[in-house]
Structures are given as C-alpha cells and as structure tokens.
Amino acid sequence: MSRVTFAELRPITEKAFLGQVRELARLRGWMCYTTYNSMHSPKGFLDLFMVRDDRAIAAELKSERGKLTPGQKEWIAALNKTCVEVYVFRPSDFERIIEVLR
C-alpha cells in the first residue's frame, strides 16, 4: 500500500483549514475565538485566538502559498512581546498543530 504525501493532497481553503483547526482545538478543550466579520475589527488581527488553562495562543492560518499582510505582521510582532504564544500555521503544519494543542 503506497502512502500519500502532503504534496499529492488537494489544496484546502483557508476557511476549511480554520474549521479543522478550530474543531481540533475544541476537542482538546480549548476556548476559541474567531472574528465573524472583520469589517469593524482592527486590520490584520489574527484568525484564531485560543485559551486553555494558563496558555493563550494566537494563530494566523494561511494556505501553503498565502502571504502575511503588513497588518498581520504588526500584530504578530506585538503579540510576540507578550506571554501569548503566536503561530502562523499552514495545512502542511498539521502534525505540529496537533502537538501545540496537546
């Protein structure tokens, strides 16, 4: 039986990827926040904010080729100065996401 590599998988949309990560986090006991409509939110705020026990994680979810906007880079730089864990995740990072959310 041959093993399928990540490169052979059909690309996933950022919206579907966000849903997968949110569901994994929920199953692992994380409280999750995502902005429903970013029209009145600060530019560049990250896609997902998660809290469980004494940990807080902010994550930007991108497609394999997606680029960070200047606003997202600004938020990441600001959050990196705090005790919040900050990640940029792509679908190919799913094993790492599983580890981070343990």
PDB file of N, CA and C in Angstrom:
ATOM      1  N   MET A   1       0.851  -1.175   0.000  1.00  0.00           N
ATOM      2  CA  MET A   1       0.000   0.000   0.000  1.00  0.00           C
ATOM      3  C   MET A   1       0.899   1.241   0.000  1.00  0.00           C
ATOM      4  N   SER A   2       0.697   2.112  -0.977  1.00  0.00           N
ATOM      5  CA  SER A   2       1.529   3.309  -1.046  1.00  0.00           C
ATOM      6  C   SER A   2       0.971   4.387  -0.127  1.00  0.00           C
ATOM      7  N   ARG A   3       1.852   5.215   0.348  1.00  0.00           N
ATOM      8  CA  ARG A   3       1.469   6.289   1.256  1.00  0.00           C
ATOM      9  C   ARG A   3       1.325   7.585   0.463  1.00  0.00           C
ATOM     10  N   VAL A   4       0.261   8.331   0.714  1.00  0.00           N
ATOM     11  CA  VAL A   4       0.015   9.599   0.041  1.00  0.00           C
ATOM     12  C   VAL A   4       0.834  10.676   0.725  1.00  0.00           C
ATOM     13  N   THR A   5       1.545  11.460  -0.058  1.00  0.00           N
ATOM     14  CA  THR A   5       2.316  12.556   0.515  1.00  0.00           C
ATOM     15  C   THR A   5       1.457  13.808   0.564  1.00  0.00           C
ATOM     16  N   PHE A   6       1.875  14.765   1.385  1.00  0.00           N
ATOM     17  CA  PHE A   6       1.118  16.012   1.515  1.00  0.00           C
ATOM     18  C   PHE A   6       0.982  16.709   0.171  1.00  0.00           C
ATOM     19  N   ALA A   7       2.054  16.684  -0.621  1.00  0.00           N
ATOM     20  CA  ALA A   7       2.053  17.384  -1.912  1.00  0.00           C
ATOM     21  C   ALA A   7       0.995  16.834  -2.863  1.00  0.00           C
ATOM     22  N   GLU A   8       0.565  15.598  -2.652  1.00  0.00           N
ATOM     23  CA  GLU A   8      -0.424  14.985  -3.527  1.00  0.00           C
ATOM     24  C   GLU A   8      -1.860  15.320  -3.127  1.00  0.00           C
ATOM     25  N   LEU A   9      -2.045  15.892  -1.962  1.00  0.00           N
ATOM     26  CA  LEU A   9      -3.383  16.214  -1.497  1.00  0.00           C
ATOM     27  C   LEU A   9      -3.926  17.442  -2.207  1.00  0.00           C
ATOM     28  N   ARG A  10      -5.236  17.487  -2.367  1.00  0.00           N
ATOM     29  CA  ARG A  10      -5.880  18.646  -2.978  1.00  0.00           C
ATOM     30  C   ARG A  10      -5.765  19.840  -2.040  1.00  0.00           C
ATOM     31  N   PRO A  11      -5.468  21.032  -2.578  1.00  0.00           N
ATOM     32  CA  PRO A  11      -5.356  22.210  -1.710  1.00  0.00           C
ATOM     33  C   PRO A  11      -6.644  22.456  -0.920  1.00  0.00           C
ATOM     34  N   ILE A  12      -6.486  22.941   0.290  1.00  0.00           N
ATOM     35  CA  ILE A  12      -7.626  23.239   1.154  1.00  0.00           C
ATOM     36  C   ILE A  12      -7.760  24.758   1.258  1.00  0.00           C
ATOM     37  N   THR A  13      -8.974  25.243   1.339  1.00  0.00           N
ATOM     38  CA  THR A  13      -9.175  26.681   1.501  1.00  0.00           C
ATOM     39  C   THR A  13      -8.794  27.083   2.925  1.00  0.00           C
ATOM     40  N   GLU A  14      -8.460  28.371   3.100  1.00  0.00           N
ATOM     41  CA  GLU A  14      -8.143  28.854   4.444  1.00  0.00           C
ATOM     42  C   GLU A  14      -9.349  28.721   5.360  1.00  0.00           C
ATOM     43  N   LYS A  15     -10.554  28.914   4.827  1.00  0.00           N
ATOM     44  CA  LYS A  15     -11.782  28.793   5.632  1.00  0.00           C
ATOM     45  C   LYS A  15     -11.949  27.357   6.132  1.00  0.00           C
ATOM     46  N   ALA A  16     -11.749  26.374   5.259  1.00  0.00           N
ATOM     47  CA  ALA A  16     -11.874  24.972   5.663  1.00  0.00           C
ATOM     48  C   ALA A  16     -10.769  24.598   6.647  1.00  0.00           C
ATOM     49  N   PHE A  17      -9.570  25.104   6.414  1.00  0.00           N
ATOM     50  CA  PHE A  17      -8.447  24.850   7.316  1.00  0.00           C
ATOM     51  C   PHE A  17      -8.733  25.422   8.696  1.00  0.00           C
ATOM     52  N   LEU A  18      -9.262  26.636   8.741  1.00  0.00           N
ATOM     53  CA  LEU A  18      -9.652  27.251  10.013  1.00  0.00           C
ATOM     54  C   LEU A  18     -10.660  26.368  10.739  1.00  0.00           C
ATOM     55  N   GLY A  19     -11.637  25.846  10.021  1.00  0.00           N
ATOM     56  CA  GLY A  19     -12.630  24.961  10.625  1.00  0.00           C
ATOM     57  C   GLY A  19     -11.990  23.719  11.220  1.00  0.00           C
ATOM     58  N   GLN A  20     -11.019  23.134  10.522  1.00  0.00           N
ATOM     59  CA  GLN A  20     -10.340  21.937  11.026  1.00  0.00           C
ATOM     60  C   GLN A  20      -9.560  22.239  12.307  1.00  0.00           C
ATOM     61  N   VAL A  21      -8.835  23.338  12.302  1.00  0.00           N
ATOM     62  CA  VAL A  21      -8.029  23.685  13.479  1.00  0.00           C
ATOM     63  C   VAL A  21      -8.940  24.032  14.650  1.00  0.00           C
ATOM     64  N   ARG A  22     -10.003  24.777  14.391  1.00  0.00           N
ATOM     65  CA  ARG A  22     -10.958  25.117  15.458  1.00  0.00           C
ATOM     66  C   ARG A  22     -11.576  23.865  16.058  1.00  0.00           C
ATOM     67  N   GLU A  23     -11.949  22.908  15.222  1.00  0.00           N
ATOM     68  CA  GLU A  23     -12.546  21.667  15.720  1.00  0.00           C
ATOM     69  C   GLU A  23     -11.542  20.865  16.544  1.00  0.00           C
ATOM     70  N   LEU A  24     -10.306  20.770  16.074  1.00  0.00           N
ATOM     71  CA  LEU A  24      -9.270  20.082  16.849  1.00  0.00           C
ATOM     72  C   LEU A  24      -9.091  20.752  18.204  1.00  0.00           C
ATOM     73  N   ALA A  25      -9.009  22.088  18.209  1.00  0.00           N
ATOM     74  CA  ALA A  25      -8.844  22.819  19.464  1.00  0.00           C
ATOM     75  C   ALA A  25     -10.019  22.568  20.398  1.00  0.00           C
ATOM     76  N   ARG A  26     -11.227  22.620  19.864  1.00  0.00           N
ATOM     77  CA  ARG A  26     -12.418  22.379  20.689  1.00  0.00           C
ATOM     78  C   ARG A  26     -12.367  20.980  21.300  1.00  0.00           C
ATOM     79  N   LEU A  27     -11.988  19.984  20.506  1.00  0.00           N
ATOM     80  CA  LEU A  27     -11.898  18.606  21.006  1.00  0.00           C
ATOM     81  C   LEU A  27     -10.830  18.463  22.088  1.00  0.00           C
ATOM     82  N   ARG A  28      -9.830  19.322  22.049  1.00  0.00           N
ATOM     83  CA  ARG A  28      -8.752  19.296  23.042  1.00  0.00           C
ATOM     84  C   ARG A  28      -9.045  20.204  24.237  1.00  0.00           C
ATOM     85  N   GLY A  29     -10.232  20.797  24.285  1.00  0.00           N
ATOM     86  CA  GLY A  29     -10.627  21.586  25.446  1.00  0.00           C
ATOM     87  C   GLY A  29     -10.259  23.055  25.400  1.00  0.00           C
ATOM     88  N   TRP A  30      -9.915  23.576  24.236  1.00  0.00           N
ATOM     89  CA  TRP A  30      -9.564  24.991  24.100  1.00  0.00           C
ATOM     90  C   TRP A  30     -10.814  25.824  23.866  1.00  0.00           C
ATOM     91  N   MET A  31     -10.861  27.006  24.465  1.00  0.00           N
ATOM     92  CA  MET A  31     -11.873  28.008  24.122  1.00  0.00           C
ATOM     93  C   MET A  31     -11.323  28.742  22.902  1.00  0.00           C
ATOM     94  N   CYS A  32     -12.158  28.962  21.912  1.00  0.00           N
ATOM     95  CA  CYS A  32     -11.685  29.567  20.666  1.00  0.00           C
ATOM     96  C   CYS A  32     -12.492  30.808  20.307  1.00  0.00           C
ATOM     97  N   TYR A  33     -11.790  31.788  19.764  1.00  0.00           N
ATOM     98  CA  TYR A  33     -12.439  32.983  19.244  1.00  0.00           C
ATOM     99  C   TYR A  33     -11.935  33.231  17.829  1.00  0.00           C
ATOM    100  N   THR A  34     -12.854  33.468  16.925  1.00  0.00           N
ATOM    101  CA  THR A  34     -12.533  33.958  15.592  1.00  0.00           C
ATOM    102  C   THR A  34     -13.478  35.111  15.299  1.00  0.00           C
ATOM    103  N   THR A  35     -12.978  36.100  14.614  1.00  0.00           N
ATOM    104  CA  THR A  35     -13.822  37.233  14.251  1.00  0.00           C
ATOM    105  C   THR A  35     -14.770  36.806  13.148  1.00  0.00           C
ATOM    106  N   TYR A  36     -16.055  36.981  13.369  1.00  0.00           N
ATOM    107  CA  TYR A  36     -17.052  36.573  12.380  1.00  0.00           C
ATOM    108  C   TYR A  36     -16.995  37.471  11.152  1.00  0.00           C
ATOM    109  N   ASN A  37     -16.967  38.777  11.373  1.00  0.00           N
ATOM    110  CA  ASN A  37     -16.928  39.739  10.280  1.00  0.00           C
ATOM    111  C   ASN A  37     -15.882  40.792  10.643  1.00  0.00           C
ATOM    112  N   SER A  38     -14.802  40.827   9.899  1.00  0.00           N
ATOM    113  CA  SER A  38     -13.685  41.697  10.267  1.00  0.00           C
ATOM    114  C   SER A  38     -13.878  43.152   9.845  1.00  0.00           C
ATOM    115  N   MET A  39     -15.032  43.491   9.317  1.00  0.00           N
ATOM    116  CA  MET A  39     -15.261  44.839   8.806  1.00  0.00           C
ATOM    117  C   MET A  39     -14.998  45.920   9.857  1.00  0.00           C
ATOM    118  N   HIS A  40     -15.355  45.677  11.110  1.00  0.00           N
ATOM    119  CA  HIS A  40     -15.180  46.676  12.163  1.00  0.00           C
ATOM    120  C   HIS A  40     -14.079  46.289  13.154  1.00  0.00           C
ATOM    121  N   SER A  41     -13.206  45.383  12.749  1.00  0.00           N
ATOM    122  CA  SER A  41     -12.119  44.922  13.609  1.00  0.00           C
ATOM    123  C   SER A  41     -10.805  45.556  13.170  1.00  0.00           C
ATOM    124  N   PRO A  42      -9.821  45.571  14.064  1.00  0.00           N
ATOM    125  CA  PRO A  42      -8.515  46.110  13.677  1.00  0.00           C
ATOM    126  C   PRO A  42      -7.926  45.317  12.499  1.00  0.00           C
ATOM    127  N   LYS A  43      -7.317  46.020  11.554  1.00  0.00           N
ATOM    128  CA  LYS A  43      -6.697  45.360  10.399  1.00  0.00           C
ATOM    129  C   LYS A  43      -5.625  44.390  10.851  1.00  0.00           C
ATOM    130  N   GLY A  44      -5.670  43.202  10.284  1.00  0.00           N
ATOM    131  CA  GLY A  44      -4.604  42.237  10.494  1.00  0.00           C
ATOM    132  C   GLY A  44      -4.717  41.363  11.719  1.00  0.00           C
ATOM    133  N   PHE A  45      -5.774  41.549  12.550  1.00  0.00           N
ATOM    134  CA  PHE A  45      -5.858  40.695  13.738  1.00  0.00           C
ATOM    135  C   PHE A  45      -5.894  39.238  13.298  1.00  0.00           C
ATOM    136  N   LEU A  46      -5.213  38.388  14.022  1.00  0.00           N
ATOM    137  CA  LEU A  46      -5.029  37.006  13.610  1.00  0.00           C
ATOM    138  C   LEU A  46      -6.339  36.220  13.596  1.00  0.00           C
ATOM    139  N   ASP A  47      -6.349  35.119  12.852  1.00  0.00           N
ATOM    140  CA  ASP A  47      -7.559  34.345  12.592  1.00  0.00           C
ATOM    141  C   ASP A  47      -8.163  33.675  13.818  1.00  0.00           C
ATOM    142  N   LEU A  48      -7.318  33.212  14.717  1.00  0.00           N
ATOM    143  CA  LEU A  48      -7.808  32.354  15.789  1.00  0.00           C
ATOM    144  C   LEU A  48      -7.091  32.697  17.091  1.00  0.00           C
ATOM    145  N   PHE A  49      -7.883  32.882  18.150  1.00  0.00           N
ATOM    146  CA  PHE A  49      -7.338  33.108  19.489  1.00  0.00           C
ATOM    147  C   PHE A  49      -7.881  32.007  20.373  1.00  0.00           C
ATOM    148  N   MET A  50      -6.987  31.278  21.057  1.00  0.00           N
ATOM    149  CA  MET A  50      -7.384  30.113  21.846  1.00  0.00           C
ATOM    150  C   MET A  50      -6.839  30.225  23.269  1.00  0.00           C
ATOM    151  N   VAL A  51      -7.645  29.781  24.230  1.00  0.00           N
ATOM    152  CA  VAL A  51      -7.236  29.810  25.632  1.00  0.00           C
ATOM    153  C   VAL A  51      -7.607  28.484  26.284  1.00  0.00           C
ATOM    154  N   ARG A  52      -6.671  27.950  27.037  1.00  0.00           N
ATOM    155  CA  ARG A  52      -6.932  26.769  27.868  1.00  0.00           C
ATOM    156  C   ARG A  52      -5.987  26.827  29.049  1.00  0.00           C
ATOM    157  N   ASP A  53      -6.556  26.716  30.232  1.00  0.00           N
ATOM    158  CA  ASP A  53      -5.777  26.771  31.467  1.00  0.00           C
ATOM    159  C   ASP A  53      -4.913  28.042  31.477  1.00  0.00           C
ATOM    160  N   ASP A  54      -3.602  27.883  31.590  1.00  0.00           N
ATOM    161  CA  ASP A  54      -2.723  29.054  31.683  1.00  0.00           C
ATOM    162  C   ASP A  54      -2.046  29.396  30.353  1.00  0.00           C
ATOM    163  N   ARG A  55      -2.579  28.896  29.259  1.00  0.00           N
ATOM    164  CA  ARG A  55      -1.992  29.159  27.938  1.00  0.00           C
ATOM    165  C   ARG A  55      -2.947  29.966  27.067  1.00  0.00           C
ATOM    166  N   ALA A  56      -2.372  30.860  26.290  1.00  0.00           N
ATOM    167  CA  ALA A  56      -3.123  31.611  25.283  1.00  0.00           C
ATOM    168  C   ALA A  56      -2.336  31.533  23.981  1.00  0.00           C
ATOM    169  N   ILE A  57      -3.047  31.229  22.903  1.00  0.00           N
ATOM    170  CA  ILE A  57      -2.423  31.082  21.587  1.00  0.00           C
ATOM    171  C   ILE A  57      -3.159  31.957  20.591  1.00  0.00           C
ATOM    172  N   ALA A  58      -2.386  32.710  19.816  1.00  0.00           N
ATOM    173  CA  ALA A  58      -2.929  33.448  18.681  1.00  0.00           C
ATOM    174  C   ALA A  58      -2.340  32.817  17.433  1.00  0.00           C
ATOM    175  N   ALA A  59      -3.182  32.503  16.458  1.00  0.00           N
ATOM    176  CA  ALA A  59      -2.696  31.833  15.254  1.00  0.00           C
ATOM    177  C   ALA A  59      -3.268  32.482  14.001  1.00  0.00           C
ATOM    178  N   GLU A  60      -2.409  32.654  13.035  1.00  0.00           N
ATOM    179  CA  GLU A  60      -2.826  33.069  11.701  1.00  0.00           C
ATOM    180  C   GLU A  60      -2.745  31.827  10.830  1.00  0.00           C
ATOM    181  N   LEU A  61      -3.817  31.537  10.131  1.00  0.00           N
ATOM    182  CA  LEU A  61      -3.877  30.346   9.289  1.00  0.00           C
ATOM    183  C   LEU A  61      -3.788  30.775   7.835  1.00  0.00           C
ATOM    184  N   LYS A  62      -2.850  30.195   7.131  1.00  0.00           N
ATOM    185  CA  LYS A  62      -2.605  30.548   5.739  1.00  0.00           C
ATOM    186  C   LYS A  62      -2.609  29.297   4.869  1.00  0.00           C
ATOM    187  N   SER A  63      -2.948  29.489   3.603  1.00  0.00           N
ATOM    188  CA  SER A  63      -2.768  28.411   2.639  1.00  0.00           C
ATOM    189  C   SER A  63      -1.265  28.199   2.468  1.00  0.00           C
ATOM    190  N   GLU A  64      -0.882  27.188   1.751  1.00  0.00           N
ATOM    191  CA  GLU A  64       0.541  26.899   1.570  1.00  0.00           C
ATOM    192  C   GLU A  64       1.285  28.080   0.960  1.00  0.00           C
ATOM    193  N   ARG A  65       0.637  28.826   0.111  1.00  0.00           N
ATOM    194  CA  ARG A  65       1.299  29.946  -0.567  1.00  0.00           C
ATOM    195  C   ARG A  65       0.855  31.308  -0.057  1.00  0.00           C
ATOM    196  N   GLY A  66      -0.041  31.324   0.923  1.00  0.00           N
ATOM    197  CA  GLY A  66      -0.561  32.582   1.439  1.00  0.00           C
ATOM    198  C   GLY A  66       0.515  33.425   2.089  1.00  0.00           C
ATOM    199  N   LYS A  67       0.416  34.713   1.914  1.00  0.00           N
ATOM    200  CA  LYS A  67       1.387  35.669   2.459  1.00  0.00           C
ATOM    201  C   LYS A  67       0.756  36.465   3.603  1.00  0.00           C
ATOM    202  N   LEU A  68       1.569  36.806   4.592  1.00  0.00           N
ATOM    203  CA  LEU A  68       1.113  37.656   5.681  1.00  0.00           C
ATOM    204  C   LEU A  68       0.971  39.089   5.185  1.00  0.00           C
ATOM    205  N   THR A  69      -0.082  39.766   5.635  1.00  0.00           N
ATOM    206  CA  THR A  69      -0.260  41.170   5.305  1.00  0.00           C
ATOM    207  C   THR A  69       0.587  42.006   6.267  1.00  0.00           C
ATOM    208  N   PRO A  70       0.835  43.273   5.927  1.00  0.00           N
ATOM    209  CA  PRO A  70       1.556  44.135   6.872  1.00  0.00           C
ATOM    210  C   PRO A  70       0.855  44.217   8.232  1.00  0.00           C
ATOM    211  N   GLY A  71      -0.472  44.282   8.239  1.00  0.00           N
ATOM    212  CA  GLY A  71      -1.207  44.324   9.500  1.00  0.00           C
ATOM    213  C   GLY A  71      -1.019  43.064  10.327  1.00  0.00           C
ATOM    214  N   GLN A  72      -1.014  41.904   9.682  1.00  0.00           N
ATOM    215  CA  GLN A  72      -0.790  40.642  10.392  1.00  0.00           C
ATOM    216  C   GLN A  72       0.621  40.597  10.964  1.00  0.00           C
ATOM    217  N   LYS A  73       1.594  41.060  10.203  1.00  0.00           N
ATOM    218  CA  LYS A  73       2.979  41.105  10.700  1.00  0.00           C
ATOM    219  C   LYS A  73       3.085  42.012  11.916  1.00  0.00           C
ATOM    220  N   GLU A  74       2.355  43.127  11.890  1.00  0.00           N
ATOM    221  CA  GLU A  74       2.370  44.053  13.024  1.00  0.00           C
ATOM    222  C   GLU A  74       1.781  43.404  14.275  1.00  0.00           C
ATOM    223  N   TRP A  75       0.634  42.719  14.126  1.00  0.00           N
ATOM    224  CA  TRP A  75       0.021  42.024  15.265  1.00  0.00           C
ATOM    225  C   TRP A  75       0.947  40.929  15.793  1.00  0.00           C
ATOM    226  N   ILE A  76       1.561  40.156  14.898  1.00  0.00           N
ATOM    227  CA  ILE A  76       2.458  39.078  15.314  1.00  0.00           C
ATOM    228  C   ILE A  76       3.640  39.657  16.107  1.00  0.00           C
ATOM    229  N   ALA A  77       4.223  40.737  15.618  1.00  0.00           N
ATOM    230  CA  ALA A  77       5.343  41.366  16.322  1.00  0.00           C
ATOM    231  C   ALA A  77       4.917  41.853  17.703  1.00  0.00           C
ATOM    232  N   ALA A  78       3.734  42.473  17.786  1.00  0.00           N
ATOM    233  CA  ALA A  78       3.248  42.982  19.076  1.00  0.00           C
ATOM    234  C   ALA A  78       2.963  41.833  20.039  1.00  0.00           C
ATOM    235  N   LEU A  79       2.300  40.791  19.562  1.00  0.00           N
ATOM    236  CA  LEU A  79       1.952  39.656  20.429  1.00  0.00           C
ATOM    237  C   LEU A  79       3.186  38.873  20.862  1.00  0.00           C
ATOM    238  N   ASN A  80       4.203  38.842  20.021  1.00  0.00           N
ATOM    239  CA  ASN A  80       5.439  38.141  20.389  1.00  0.00           C
ATOM    240  C   ASN A  80       6.147  38.789  21.577  1.00  0.00           C
ATOM    241  N   LYS A  81       5.784  40.006  21.918  1.00  0.00           N
ATOM    242  CA  LYS A  81       6.370  40.697  23.076  1.00  0.00           C
ATOM    243  C   LYS A  81       5.615  40.366  24.363  1.00  0.00           C
ATOM    244  N   THR A  82       4.562  39.570  24.263  1.00  0.00           N
ATOM    245  CA  THR A  82       3.739  39.209  25.411  1.00  0.00           C
ATOM    246  C   THR A  82       3.946  37.744  25.757  1.00  0.00           C
ATOM    247  N   CYS A  83       3.151  37.244  26.684  1.00  0.00           N
ATOM    248  CA  CYS A  83       3.223  35.831  27.050  1.00  0.00           C
ATOM    249  C   CYS A  83       2.311  34.966  26.171  1.00  0.00           C
ATOM    250  N   VAL A  84       1.660  35.567  25.178  1.00  0.00           N
ATOM    251  CA  VAL A  84       0.808  34.815  24.251  1.00  0.00           C
ATOM    252  C   VAL A  84       1.699  34.063  23.268  1.00  0.00           C
ATOM    253  N   GLU A  85       1.407  32.774  23.063  1.00  0.00           N
ATOM    254  CA  GLU A  85       2.108  32.011  22.031  1.00  0.00           C
ATOM    255  C   GLU A  85       1.535  32.424  20.678  1.00  0.00           C
ATOM    256  N   VAL A  86       2.396  32.644  19.701  1.00  0.00           N
ATOM    257  CA  VAL A  86       1.961  33.112  18.391  1.00  0.00           C
ATOM    258  C   VAL A  86       2.484  32.167  17.320  1.00  0.00           C
ATOM    259  N   TYR A  87       1.584  31.776  16.422  1.00  0.00           N
ATOM    260  CA  TYR A  87       1.942  30.847  15.356  1.00  0.00           C
ATOM    261  C   TYR A  87       1.344  31.293  14.029  1.00  0.00           C
ATOM    262  N   VAL A  88       2.041  30.962  12.959  1.00  0.00           N
ATOM    263  CA  VAL A  88       1.481  31.012  11.613  1.00  0.00           C
ATOM    264  C   VAL A  88       1.444  29.557  11.162  1.00  0.00           C
ATOM    265  N   PHE A  89       0.247  29.040  10.941  1.00  0.00           N
ATOM    266  CA  PHE A  89       0.074  27.645  10.562  1.00  0.00           C
ATOM    267  C   PHE A  89      -0.381  27.536   9.113  1.00  0.00           C
ATOM    268  N   ARG A  90       0.107  26.506   8.458  1.00  0.00           N
ATOM    269  CA  ARG A  90      -0.310  26.146   7.100  1.00  0.00           C
ATOM    270  C   ARG A  90      -0.795  24.698   7.144  1.00  0.00           C
ATOM    271  N   PRO A  91      -1.576  24.272   6.155  1.00  0.00           N
ATOM    272  CA  PRO A  91      -2.072  22.889   6.179  1.00  0.00           C
ATOM    273  C   PRO A  91      -0.959  21.847   6.348  1.00  0.00           C
ATOM    274  N   SER A  92       0.211  22.094   5.793  1.00  0.00           N
ATOM    275  CA  SER A  92       1.314  21.127   5.930  1.00  0.00           C
ATOM    276  C   SER A  92       1.866  21.067   7.353  1.00  0.00           C
ATOM    277  N   ASP A  93       1.434  21.979   8.218  1.00  0.00           N
ATOM    278  CA  ASP A  93       1.872  22.002   9.624  1.00  0.00           C
ATOM    279  C   ASP A  93       0.956  21.197  10.541  1.00  0.00           C
ATOM    280  N   PHE A  94       0.042  20.411   9.998  1.00  0.00           N
ATOM    281  CA  PHE A  94      -0.998  19.823  10.848  1.00  0.00           C
ATOM    282  C   PHE A  94      -0.439  18.962  11.981  1.00  0.00           C
ATOM    283  N   GLU A  95       0.617  18.202  11.737  1.00  0.00           N
ATOM    284  CA  GLU A  95       1.218  17.404  12.816  1.00  0.00           C
ATOM    285  C   GLU A  95       1.727  18.326  13.928  1.00  0.00           C
ATOM    286  N   ARG A  96       2.331  19.441  13.554  1.00  0.00           N
ATOM    287  CA  ARG A  96       2.812  20.419  14.533  1.00  0.00           C
ATOM    288  C   ARG A  96       1.646  21.044  15.301  1.00  0.00           C
ATOM    289  N   ILE A  97       0.553  21.328  14.605  1.00  0.00           N
ATOM    290  CA  ILE A  97      -0.638  21.890  15.252  1.00  0.00           C
ATOM    291  C   ILE A  97      -1.153  20.925  16.317  1.00  0.00           C
ATOM    292  N   ILE A  98      -1.198  19.659  15.983  1.00  0.00           N
ATOM    293  CA  ILE A  98      -1.638  18.631  16.938  1.00  0.00           C
ATOM    294  C   ILE A  98      -0.760  18.689  18.186  1.00  0.00           C
ATOM    295  N   GLU A  99       0.548  18.792  18.008  1.00  0.00           N
ATOM    296  CA  GLU A  99       1.470  18.865  19.146  1.00  0.00           C
ATOM    297  C   GLU A  99       1.252  20.132  19.974  1.00  0.00           C
ATOM    298  N   VAL A 100       1.100  21.272  19.317  1.00  0.00           N
ATOM    299  CA  VAL A 100       0.925  22.545  20.022  1.00  0.00           C
ATOM    300  C   VAL A 100      -0.349  22.523  20.866  1.00  0.00           C
ATOM    301  N   LEU A 101      -1.400  21.906  20.357  1.00  0.00           N
ATOM    302  CA  LEU A 101      -2.688  21.908  21.045  1.00  0.00           C
ATOM    303  C   LEU A 101      -2.855  20.779  22.056  1.00  0.00           C
ATOM    304  N   ARG A 102      -1.809  20.001  22.318  1.00  0.00           N
ATOM    305  CA  ARG A 102      -1.898  18.934  23.336  1.00  0.00           C
ATOM    306  C   ARG A 102      -2.017  19.510  24.706  1.00  0.00           C
TER     307      ARG A 102
END
